[in-house]
Amino acid sequence: MRSFKLLRKVRISSWLSFKEMSFGKKGVFCLQSTQTQTFSVVTCLARASRLLCNSITVTGPPKPPRRRAAGQRRGYSSRRGRGRRRSGGQPGWRRDVGGAGTRSTAEMKGEAGSAQRPGKPKQEGHIWGSMRRTAFILGSGLLLLVAFWNSVTWHLQRFWGASGYFWQAQWERLLSTFEGKEWTLYIIGATQVPSLLFWSFNGLLLVVDTTGKPHFISRYRIQVGKNEPMDAEKLRQSIRTVLFNQWVISLPMLVFLYPILKLWGDPCRRELPTFHWFLLELAIFTLIEEVLFYYSHRLLHHPTFYRKIHKKHHEWTAPIGVISLYAHPIEHVVSNMLPVMVGPIVMGSHLSSITMWFSLALIITTISHCGYHLPFLPSPEFHDYHHLKFNQCYGVLGVLDHLHGTDTVFKQTKAYERHILLLGFTPLSESIPDAPKKTE
């Protein structure tokens, strides 16, 4: 009787809503509440007994218990539970035979759908966050690249500026020496200097091609076993053709180039170009050469032109450096000379830029045909594969081949895997060997 009076004295202005009621594996009843006022232990036991008698069951997976805040006593819940209705009176609940509140399947699906709908803004927020992170990474990378590029060009410009007085003084001395004969200076710079570099480099390669020595160079041969031994008569005939192309075709074309350049500006003007301007010219020269060489070269592979003109160059399926200029005279004009000459005409370049560009173009084409994948030099695998298969890899850089799909077969070969800058001393033919040929 005293306990009953005590229960009546308890203030029941607030009610208890259950977040989860279930029986554990050992039959122990688990109760979680969001109580907002103080209840005695007796009250909780009385309510639990009444619920057990009514055999209340709750469907759905159990939710993890809510962690109590720091300083919160057992039996108390957060303030968020204030004002919630009892589980038995929530909409969407129905009483079963024992008086238990059970949710219908349709209502559970509807609530699941409504629970999924708020996920769309969350997904959009996730996408927006990913975009921001991507923009941050790309922006940071671009900023570092620009900073690195500015640092490198600043140091090079500083070196160029420090030595600029020396080179400017030497150039002015040349101008005073060839005063009134600037065309002679132009011929020396545009033809003789590049030719000297071409034959110096190819002279070393010819020693390796004909003798196989020194071994530390011949071990980097791409097509192993080809040109061993070298066909001496075929080599002599190729050298004669190269000399003919250089002196009978290239020299007159470069002489004719001089008055064209003077229409845009004197190529032998007194002031040397700046370092940044030369870098810009070099980039434009390279792009122009890539476009003109790709399309002219691909045109020469048309059956009509290939049989009469371009087949001469493809007599060497395993190329060597000197045959880079071994071609039919028409091909030498259209595909070898014009792509290199158009850039300086467009830019109205100085003789110093022309000399460096022609020299660089001859060295690069020699490397592309040399047949050796040497360390720390550009990879010749791309053009070497063209000489091997004829219908792939028409360009210089490979950009237009990628756009036109004329390198798809090449990308499926081991040669493509070896088409990298070799930074070690182990030949790539050993580290990335060709697949063994199938024998019947």
Protein backbone atom coordinates (compact mmCIF):
# COMPACT_ATOMS: atom_id res chain seq x y z
CA MET A 1 0.00 0.00 0.00
CA ARG A 2 2.89 2.31 0.79
CA SER A 3 4.50 1.50 -2.55
CA PHE A 4 1.24 2.26 -4.32
CA LYS A 5 1.04 5.69 -2.63
CA LEU A 6 4.65 6.31 -3.59
CA LEU A 7 3.84 5.57 -7.21
CA ARG A 8 0.90 7.96 -7.15
CA LYS A 9 3.10 10.69 -5.77
CA VAL A 10 5.51 10.39 -8.66
CA ARG A 11 4.95 13.18 -11.10
CA ILE A 12 3.92 11.63 -14.42
CA SER A 13 3.91 14.83 -16.44
CA SER A 14 6.35 13.30 -18.92
CA TRP A 15 6.11 9.98 -20.64
CA LEU A 16 8.54 7.35 -21.78
CA SER A 17 9.03 6.52 -25.45
CA PHE A 18 10.98 3.44 -26.32
CA LYS A 19 13.56 3.57 -29.04
CA GLU A 20 14.15 -0.16 -29.06
CA MET A 21 12.68 -3.12 -27.22
CA SER A 22 13.95 -6.60 -27.86
CA PHE A 23 14.90 -9.80 -26.18
CA GLY A 24 18.55 -10.77 -26.11
CA LYS A 25 19.95 -14.16 -26.85
CA LYS A 26 19.59 -15.16 -23.22
CA GLY A 27 16.01 -13.94 -22.93
CA VAL A 28 16.96 -10.72 -21.16
CA PHE A 29 14.70 -7.80 -21.99
CA CYS A 30 16.65 -4.77 -23.24
CA LEU A 31 15.11 -1.34 -22.74
CA GLN A 32 16.30 2.02 -24.01
CA SER A 33 14.45 5.19 -23.21
CA THR A 34 14.50 8.85 -24.03
CA GLN A 35 13.21 9.87 -20.61
CA THR A 36 12.97 13.59 -19.97
CA GLN A 37 12.02 13.58 -16.26
CA THR A 38 13.11 11.57 -13.26
CA PHE A 39 11.46 8.18 -12.83
CA SER A 40 11.98 5.92 -9.91
CA VAL A 41 13.29 2.43 -10.31
CA VAL A 42 9.95 1.10 -9.19
CA THR A 43 8.17 2.98 -11.96
CA CYS A 44 10.52 1.57 -14.63
CA LEU A 45 10.02 -1.96 -13.26
CA ALA A 46 6.25 -1.53 -13.23
CA ARG A 47 6.18 -0.32 -16.82
CA ALA A 48 8.48 -3.12 -17.91
CA SER A 49 6.28 -5.70 -16.22
CA ARG A 50 3.19 -4.32 -17.90
CA LEU A 51 4.86 -4.42 -21.29
CA LEU A 52 6.02 -7.98 -20.70
CA CYS A 53 2.52 -9.00 -19.84
CA ASN A 54 1.16 -7.48 -23.01
CA SER A 55 3.88 -9.32 -25.00
CA ILE A 56 4.99 -6.34 -27.00
CA THR A 57 7.23 -7.15 -29.97
CA VAL A 58 8.90 -4.69 -32.28
CA THR A 59 9.80 -5.61 -35.83
CA GLY A 60 12.86 -4.37 -37.70
CA PRO A 61 16.57 -4.64 -37.01
CA PRO A 62 17.85 -3.41 -33.64
CA LYS A 63 19.47 -0.02 -33.61
CA PRO A 64 22.74 0.62 -31.83
CA PRO A 65 22.38 2.10 -28.36
CA ARG A 66 22.76 5.84 -28.07
CA ARG A 67 25.83 6.94 -26.23
CA ARG A 68 25.22 9.11 -23.20
CA ALA A 69 26.72 12.54 -23.08
CA ALA A 70 29.44 13.36 -20.58
CA GLY A 71 28.01 13.86 -17.13
CA GLN A 72 24.61 12.39 -17.99
CA ARG A 73 23.26 9.96 -15.42
CA ARG A 74 21.96 6.50 -16.21
CA GLY A 75 18.29 6.60 -16.85
CA TYR A 76 18.39 10.01 -18.49
CA SER A 77 18.33 10.67 -22.22
CA SER A 78 19.10 13.59 -24.48
CA ARG A 79 16.74 16.48 -24.83
CA ARG A 80 16.00 15.52 -28.42
CA GLY A 81 13.54 12.87 -27.20
CA ARG A 82 11.32 15.44 -25.53
CA GLY A 83 7.83 15.52 -26.90
CA ARG A 84 7.95 12.18 -28.75
CA ARG A 85 4.91 9.93 -28.72
CA ARG A 86 4.86 6.44 -27.30
CA SER A 87 5.69 3.64 -29.60
CA GLY A 88 2.22 2.21 -29.29
CA GLY A 89 0.67 5.47 -30.48
CA GLN A 90 2.95 6.20 -33.39
CA PRO A 91 1.26 6.30 -36.79
CA GLY A 92 1.88 3.25 -38.86
CA TRP A 93 1.77 0.89 -35.89
CA ARG A 94 -0.95 -1.72 -35.41
CA ARG A 95 -1.86 -3.93 -32.52
CA ASP A 96 -1.60 -7.66 -32.89
CA VAL A 97 -3.45 -10.25 -30.84
CA GLY A 98 -1.27 -9.74 -27.82
CA GLY A 99 -1.53 -5.99 -28.09
CA ALA A 100 1.91 -5.62 -29.56
CA GLY A 101 2.71 -2.83 -32.00
CA THR A 102 3.78 -4.27 -35.33
CA ARG A 103 4.50 -2.28 -38.48
CA SER A 104 3.04 -3.28 -41.83
CA THR A 105 5.33 -4.18 -44.74
CA ALA A 106 3.95 -1.45 -47.02
CA GLU A 107 4.52 1.20 -44.38
CA MET A 108 8.04 -0.04 -43.79
CA LYS A 109 8.76 0.19 -47.54
CA GLY A 110 7.29 3.66 -47.67
CA GLU A 111 9.43 4.78 -44.78
CA ALA A 112 12.47 3.14 -46.39
CA GLY A 113 11.77 5.09 -49.56
CA SER A 114 11.40 8.29 -47.62
CA ALA A 115 14.65 7.51 -45.84
CA GLN A 116 16.42 7.11 -49.17
CA ARG A 117 15.15 10.36 -50.64
CA PRO A 118 17.16 12.59 -48.29
CA GLY A 119 20.26 10.79 -49.66
CA LYS A 120 20.16 12.78 -52.92
CA PRO A 121 21.32 16.09 -51.39
CA LYS A 122 23.96 14.10 -49.53
CA GLN A 123 25.12 12.54 -52.80
CA GLU A 124 25.20 15.96 -54.48
CA GLY A 125 27.23 17.27 -51.58
CA HIS A 126 29.61 14.35 -51.96
CA ILE A 127 30.05 15.08 -55.69
CA TRP A 128 30.60 18.77 -54.95
CA GLY A 129 33.22 17.88 -52.36
CA SER A 130 34.98 15.59 -54.84
CA MET A 131 34.96 18.35 -57.44
CA ARG A 132 36.46 20.78 -54.97
CA ARG A 133 39.18 18.31 -53.99
CA THR A 134 39.94 17.59 -57.65
CA ALA A 135 40.11 21.31 -58.43
CA PHE A 136 42.41 21.82 -55.45
CA ILE A 137 44.75 19.01 -56.53
CA LEU A 138 44.86 20.12 -60.17
CA GLY A 139 45.27 23.75 -59.20
CA SER A 140 48.07 22.93 -56.80
CA GLY A 141 49.80 20.78 -59.41
CA LEU A 142 49.49 23.50 -62.03
CA LEU A 143 50.80 26.09 -59.59
CA LEU A 144 53.81 23.92 -58.76
CA LEU A 145 54.45 23.26 -62.45
CA VAL A 146 54.33 26.97 -63.27
CA ALA A 147 56.58 27.77 -60.32
CA PHE A 148 59.06 25.08 -61.36
CA TRP A 149 58.99 26.22 -64.99
CA ASN A 150 59.47 29.86 -63.99
CA SER A 151 62.35 28.86 -61.72
CA VAL A 152 64.08 26.85 -64.47
CA THR A 153 63.57 29.52 -67.12
CA TRP A 154 64.72 32.19 -64.66
CA HIS A 155 67.99 30.37 -64.05
CA LEU A 156 68.47 29.69 -67.75
CA GLN A 157 67.62 33.28 -68.59
CA ARG A 158 70.07 34.40 -65.93
CA PHE A 159 72.77 32.22 -67.49
CA TRP A 160 71.76 33.40 -70.94
CA GLY A 161 71.84 37.01 -69.79
CA ALA A 162 75.18 36.57 -68.07
CA SER A 163 76.67 34.99 -71.16
CA GLY A 164 74.58 37.10 -73.51
CA TYR A 165 77.16 39.84 -73.64
CA PHE A 166 79.75 37.28 -74.72
CA TRP A 167 77.55 35.78 -77.47
CA GLN A 168 76.39 39.19 -78.59
CA ALA A 169 80.00 40.34 -78.85
CA GLN A 170 80.93 37.24 -80.87
CA TRP A 171 77.95 37.73 -83.17
CA GLU A 172 78.84 41.37 -83.79
CA ARG A 173 82.40 40.28 -84.56
CA LEU A 174 81.07 37.83 -87.16
CA LEU A 175 78.91 40.55 -88.67
CA SER A 176 81.89 42.87 -88.95
CA THR A 177 83.92 40.05 -90.55
CA PHE A 178 81.22 39.24 -93.12
CA GLU A 179 80.07 42.81 -93.59
CA GLY A 180 78.50 43.09 -97.00
CA LYS A 181 78.54 39.26 -97.32
CA GLU A 182 75.77 38.34 -94.90
CA TRP A 183 74.44 35.74 -97.34
CA THR A 184 77.72 33.82 -96.96
CA LEU A 185 77.31 33.88 -93.20
CA TYR A 186 73.76 32.63 -93.68
CA ILE A 187 74.88 29.72 -95.89
CA ILE A 188 77.49 28.70 -93.33
CA GLY A 189 75.02 28.84 -90.45
CA ALA A 190 72.05 27.24 -92.26
CA THR A 191 73.85 24.48 -94.16
CA GLN A 192 77.45 23.85 -93.12
CA VAL A 193 77.06 23.79 -89.33
CA PRO A 194 74.06 21.38 -89.35
CA SER A 195 75.77 19.17 -91.94
CA LEU A 196 78.95 19.02 -89.86
CA LEU A 197 76.97 17.88 -86.80
CA PHE A 198 75.01 15.37 -88.91
CA TRP A 199 78.10 13.65 -90.31
CA SER A 200 79.99 13.76 -87.00
CA PHE A 201 77.19 11.92 -85.24
CA ASN A 202 76.56 9.49 -88.09
CA GLY A 203 80.29 8.82 -88.46
CA LEU A 204 80.33 7.38 -84.92
CA LEU A 205 77.20 5.34 -85.60
CA LEU A 206 78.61 3.98 -88.87
CA VAL A 207 81.62 2.62 -86.99
CA VAL A 208 79.26 0.67 -84.71
CA ASP A 209 77.06 -0.42 -87.63
CA THR A 210 79.93 -1.82 -89.69
CA THR A 211 82.15 -3.30 -86.94
CA GLY A 212 79.72 -4.03 -84.09
CA LYS A 213 82.12 -2.28 -81.75
CA PRO A 214 82.28 -0.87 -79.18
CA HIS A 215 80.02 -3.43 -77.52
CA PHE A 216 78.64 -1.00 -74.95
CA ILE A 217 76.81 0.73 -77.84
CA SER A 218 75.96 -2.22 -80.08
CA ARG A 219 74.26 -4.01 -77.16
CA TYR A 220 71.46 -1.42 -77.38
CA ARG A 221 70.43 -2.52 -80.89
CA ILE A 222 66.64 -2.63 -81.30
CA GLN A 223 66.31 -5.24 -84.04
CA VAL A 224 68.82 -7.78 -82.84
CA GLY A 225 70.43 -9.79 -85.62
CA LYS A 226 69.54 -7.35 -88.42
CA ASN A 227 72.29 -5.70 -90.52
CA GLU A 228 74.79 -8.25 -89.20
CA PRO A 229 76.91 -8.13 -91.26
CA MET A 230 76.22 -4.83 -92.97
CA ASP A 231 75.64 -4.91 -96.72
CA ALA A 232 78.58 -2.75 -97.87
CA GLU A 233 77.28 -2.07 -101.37
CA LYS A 234 73.85 -1.11 -100.10
CA LEU A 235 75.46 1.22 -97.55
CA ARG A 236 77.66 2.94 -100.17
CA GLN A 237 74.69 3.48 -102.46
CA SER A 238 72.71 4.99 -99.56
CA ILE A 239 75.53 7.40 -98.65
CA ARG A 240 75.76 8.58 -102.25
CA THR A 241 72.02 9.29 -102.27
CA VAL A 242 72.27 11.20 -98.98
CA LEU A 243 75.10 13.38 -100.31
CA PHE A 244 73.13 14.06 -103.47
CA ASN A 245 70.10 15.14 -101.46
CA GLN A 246 72.16 17.42 -99.26
CA TRP A 247 74.21 19.21 -101.91
CA VAL A 248 71.97 19.12 -104.97
CA ILE A 249 68.56 19.56 -103.34
CA SER A 250 68.90 20.97 -99.81
CA LEU A 251 71.56 23.58 -100.60
CA PRO A 252 69.62 25.31 -103.42
CA MET A 253 66.44 25.26 -101.34
CA LEU A 254 68.19 26.94 -98.41
CA VAL A 255 69.78 29.52 -100.71
CA PHE A 256 66.32 30.32 -102.05
CA LEU A 257 65.08 30.56 -98.46
CA TYR A 258 67.32 33.54 -97.71
CA PRO A 259 65.44 36.17 -99.78
CA ILE A 260 62.13 34.85 -98.43
CA LEU A 261 63.34 35.37 -94.88
CA LYS A 262 64.47 38.89 -95.71
CA LEU A 263 60.87 39.76 -96.60
CA TRP A 264 59.94 39.32 -92.91
CA GLY A 265 63.18 40.67 -91.47
CA ASP A 266 66.91 40.33 -91.87
CA PRO A 267 67.97 36.89 -90.52
CA CYS A 268 71.42 38.37 -89.88
CA ARG A 269 70.17 41.32 -87.87
CA ARG A 270 72.46 42.62 -85.17
CA GLU A 271 70.42 41.79 -82.06
CA LEU A 272 70.24 38.17 -80.93
CA PRO A 273 66.85 36.75 -79.87
CA THR A 274 66.04 36.37 -76.18
CA PHE A 275 65.95 32.97 -74.53
CA HIS A 276 62.16 33.00 -74.04
CA TRP A 277 61.60 33.96 -77.67
CA PHE A 278 63.79 31.09 -78.84
CA LEU A 279 61.78 28.64 -76.68
CA LEU A 280 58.57 29.92 -78.27
CA GLU A 281 60.06 29.53 -81.74
CA LEU A 282 61.22 26.01 -80.95
CA ALA A 283 57.72 24.99 -79.83
CA ILE A 284 56.12 26.42 -82.98
CA PHE A 285 58.76 24.82 -85.23
CA THR A 286 58.07 21.43 -83.64
CA LEU A 287 54.29 21.65 -84.05
CA ILE A 288 54.53 22.77 -87.68
CA GLU A 289 56.95 19.97 -88.48
CA GLU A 290 54.67 17.39 -86.82
CA VAL A 291 51.64 18.44 -88.89
CA LEU A 292 53.40 18.76 -92.24
CA PHE A 293 55.54 15.66 -91.86
CA TYR A 294 52.65 13.44 -90.73
CA TYR A 295 50.32 14.26 -93.61
CA SER A 296 53.02 14.35 -96.29
CA HIS A 297 54.46 11.09 -95.02
CA ARG A 298 51.07 9.43 -94.90
CA LEU A 299 50.32 10.68 -98.41
CA LEU A 300 53.52 9.05 -99.63
CA HIS A 301 52.22 5.74 -98.29
CA HIS A 302 49.36 5.86 -100.79
CA PRO A 303 49.93 2.94 -103.19
CA THR A 304 50.48 5.29 -106.14
CA PHE A 305 53.19 7.34 -104.45
CA TYR A 306 54.66 4.55 -102.35
CA ARG A 307 55.63 2.32 -105.25
CA LYS A 308 57.28 5.12 -107.25
CA ILE A 309 58.67 7.38 -104.50
CA HIS A 310 58.59 6.27 -100.87
CA LYS A 311 59.57 2.65 -101.35
CA LYS A 312 63.18 3.75 -101.77
CA HIS A 313 63.33 4.92 -98.14
CA HIS A 314 61.75 1.68 -96.89
CA GLU A 315 64.42 -0.50 -98.43
CA TRP A 316 65.89 -0.45 -94.93
CA THR A 317 63.48 -2.36 -92.69
CA ALA A 318 66.08 -2.13 -89.93
CA PRO A 319 67.17 1.52 -90.31
CA ILE A 320 70.53 3.07 -89.50
CA GLY A 321 71.26 6.72 -88.75
CA VAL A 322 72.59 7.83 -92.13
CA ILE A 323 69.53 6.65 -94.08
CA SER A 324 67.41 9.33 -92.37
CA LEU A 325 68.05 11.41 -95.52
CA TYR A 326 68.05 8.43 -97.87
CA ALA A 327 64.98 9.16 -99.99
CA HIS A 328 63.67 9.91 -103.44
CA PRO A 329 64.34 13.58 -104.44
CA ILE A 330 60.59 14.38 -104.42
CA GLU A 331 60.20 12.89 -100.96
CA HIS A 332 63.26 14.78 -99.75
CA VAL A 333 61.69 18.08 -100.84
CA VAL A 334 58.11 17.41 -99.68
CA SER A 335 58.64 15.41 -96.51
CA ASN A 336 62.16 16.23 -95.30
CA MET A 337 62.83 19.86 -96.20
CA LEU A 338 59.50 21.72 -96.29
CA PRO A 339 58.28 20.69 -92.79
CA VAL A 340 61.53 22.04 -91.32
CA MET A 341 61.70 25.23 -93.41
CA VAL A 342 58.14 26.52 -92.94
CA GLY A 343 58.60 27.29 -89.22
CA PRO A 344 61.43 29.83 -89.63
CA ILE A 345 59.54 31.45 -92.54
CA VAL A 346 56.42 31.90 -90.40
CA MET A 347 58.36 33.30 -87.43
CA GLY A 348 60.85 35.39 -89.42
CA SER A 349 63.62 33.81 -87.36
CA HIS A 350 67.13 34.96 -86.66
CA LEU A 351 70.04 33.00 -88.18
CA SER A 352 71.03 31.75 -84.72
CA SER A 353 67.57 30.19 -84.25
CA ILE A 354 67.64 28.71 -87.76
CA THR A 355 71.07 27.13 -87.21
CA MET A 356 70.05 25.58 -83.90
CA TRP A 357 66.71 24.34 -85.29
CA PHE A 358 68.21 22.73 -88.40
CA SER A 359 70.94 21.09 -86.31
CA LEU A 360 68.44 19.81 -83.79
CA ALA A 361 66.14 18.47 -86.53
CA LEU A 362 69.00 16.52 -88.15
CA ILE A 363 70.14 15.07 -84.83
CA ILE A 364 66.59 14.00 -83.88
CA THR A 365 65.92 12.32 -87.23
CA THR A 366 69.28 10.53 -86.94
CA ILE A 367 68.34 9.23 -83.50
CA SER A 368 64.94 8.09 -84.85
CA HIS A 369 66.66 6.02 -87.56
CA CYS A 370 69.81 4.93 -85.73
CA GLY A 371 68.49 1.51 -84.65
CA TYR A 372 69.91 1.82 -81.11
CA HIS A 373 67.88 2.67 -78.02
CA LEU A 374 70.69 4.46 -76.23
CA PRO A 375 70.53 5.68 -72.61
CA PHE A 376 69.47 9.30 -71.95
CA LEU A 377 68.49 9.88 -75.60
CA PRO A 378 64.98 10.06 -77.13
CA SER A 379 63.45 6.69 -77.87
CA PRO A 380 63.70 5.56 -81.54
CA GLU A 381 61.22 2.69 -81.02
CA PHE A 382 58.36 4.63 -82.62
CA HIS A 383 59.90 5.22 -86.04
CA ASP A 384 61.84 1.98 -85.96
CA TYR A 385 58.50 0.16 -85.74
CA HIS A 386 57.31 2.16 -88.76
CA HIS A 387 60.20 0.80 -90.84
CA LEU A 388 59.37 -2.69 -89.60
CA LYS A 389 55.62 -2.66 -90.33
CA PHE A 390 55.20 0.26 -92.83
CA ASN A 391 51.56 1.10 -91.90
CA GLN A 392 51.98 2.44 -88.35
CA CYS A 393 53.59 5.45 -86.65
CA TYR A 394 53.77 8.07 -89.41
CA GLY A 395 54.56 11.14 -87.32
CA VAL A 396 57.44 12.47 -85.24
CA LEU A 397 55.88 13.15 -81.85
CA GLY A 398 53.06 10.63 -82.17
CA VAL A 399 50.31 13.17 -81.42
CA LEU A 400 48.59 12.93 -84.80
CA ASP A 401 49.09 9.16 -84.84
CA HIS A 402 47.13 9.00 -81.61
CA LEU A 403 44.37 11.25 -82.96
CA HIS A 404 44.06 9.31 -86.24
CA GLY A 405 44.48 5.88 -84.67
CA THR A 406 47.56 5.01 -86.72
CA ASP A 407 49.41 3.68 -83.68
CA THR A 408 46.85 1.19 -82.33
CA VAL A 409 48.82 -1.88 -83.40
CA PHE A 410 52.04 -0.36 -82.10
CA LYS A 411 50.46 0.16 -78.65
CA GLN A 412 49.81 -3.58 -78.40
CA THR A 413 53.43 -4.56 -78.86
CA LYS A 414 56.48 -4.84 -76.64
CA ALA A 415 58.05 -2.03 -78.67
CA TYR A 416 55.45 0.32 -77.20
CA GLU A 417 56.44 -0.75 -73.69
CA ARG A 418 60.06 0.00 -74.59
CA HIS A 419 59.15 3.41 -76.04
CA ILE A 420 60.44 5.32 -73.03
CA LEU A 421 63.48 7.38 -72.08
CA LEU A 422 66.10 4.91 -70.92
CA LEU A 423 67.57 6.21 -67.65
CA GLY A 424 69.69 3.16 -66.85
CA PHE A 425 72.33 1.09 -68.60
CA THR A 426 70.43 -2.18 -69.00
CA PRO A 427 69.20 -2.52 -72.61
CA LEU A 428 65.43 -2.50 -72.84
CA SER A 429 65.60 -5.49 -75.20
CA GLU A 430 66.78 -7.43 -72.13
CA SER A 431 64.49 -5.94 -69.48
CA ILE A 432 61.42 -6.00 -71.80
CA PRO A 433 62.15 -8.79 -74.29
CA ASP A 434 59.88 -9.70 -77.18
CA ALA A 435 57.49 -12.57 -76.71
CA PRO A 436 58.96 -15.87 -77.97
CA LYS A 437 57.85 -16.75 -81.48
CA LYS A 438 55.53 -19.71 -81.82
CA THR A 439 57.17 -22.65 -83.57
CA GLU A 440 55.07 -25.16 -85.44
